[in-house]
């Protein structure tokens, strides 16, 4: 958070630490895990968590990197995502076992933290919390996007114990759906998507009645986001990010046939439902752009800038900086009536392999990118 350390998750068992200003190597955690390291999340300026294909999460302290603070056991397959609620100090993780697990870091010991399974769905790819932790978004390899509204992390959700909002497309012309149908596409290397539990059992509820009538929290909305190139071929939502001000969500999608890849921005919509028996669709496609579609089978992680005005997106052997218009305006100041192309502000190419991840510094004008061969590049604009 204070931008003093750049951490890098590696395909093998390593975590690398750098000084992002001087580019100097600080330390290598050579055996951070027993398998590929997938994600790193700072809880504060010294404590951070890592997750791995070895099914565990590890907590680390920057002041004492020779040993882990503790190792967390609870997932049964590859752990891919870490979120953190700073208000409750609850750690939230998700994996290819389909589980979202809550960890109470308030009661952390050397043996781990108390934990509970919060939610389960098949084909789970990514999970995110909105900045105010009022919503949880979950993307799936079968093209669905799940939104838990009025989020309460202290309440575990067993199948059928949460109110289900009608599943809808983000376009008004498509019909509602009430079951997940066929298994859909799988992400490469994610066999644990076989786990299944019935997800979509419909209840007629409106978003407005939830809030005005004080209905139970954690109401679930299931969407099939509109993707420009998808048409009838289906898509896999591989990457999921949230606008830093909670205005929108950013998705990276690939087609079922794996021949197209898109970056899409969806605005959060609030207000009265479209019909009394069906809630208003929470998301509207505002901007999109087709990607290079190289490095098939690998997930490319994109991101918003800290102010939300720009998007950094892996593009072949480099990254593209994208804006909502050519002037890098705020999203709310340039919302189109219909979906519009994202504007390419600058392309940066310094890698000799496919770029898989990119990240803005939270406090400085600096961008990092990492490619499949292991090279990390740092960029700083010149004024």
Foldseek 3Di string as FASTA:
>chain_A
DQLQWDWDWAQAQKIWIAGQVVRHTDDIPPRNDHGGWADKAALDPFWIWIFFQVQKIFIDGNVDHPDTQAIDHDGDGGKHEWDADNVQRWIWTDDLLQWIKIFRPVPAHNHGTDMDTADGAFQWAYWDAALNRQWIWTFGQQQKIKIFGRDDSVDGDDAPPAAEAWEEELDPVDDTDQFSPDPHDHFPPRVSSVDHDGHGDHDFAEPVCCVVVVNDGRYMYMYRYDDVVAVPQTKGFNEWDAQNVRQWIWTWIAGSVLPWIKIWIWGADDDTAPDNRHYNPGTHTFEMDTAQSPPPSAAAYKYAALNRLWIWTFHWQWIWIWGQDQVSDHCVVDGDPHYYYTHTNDIDHDGPAGWRYKDARNPAQKIWTAGNVGDIDMDHDDD
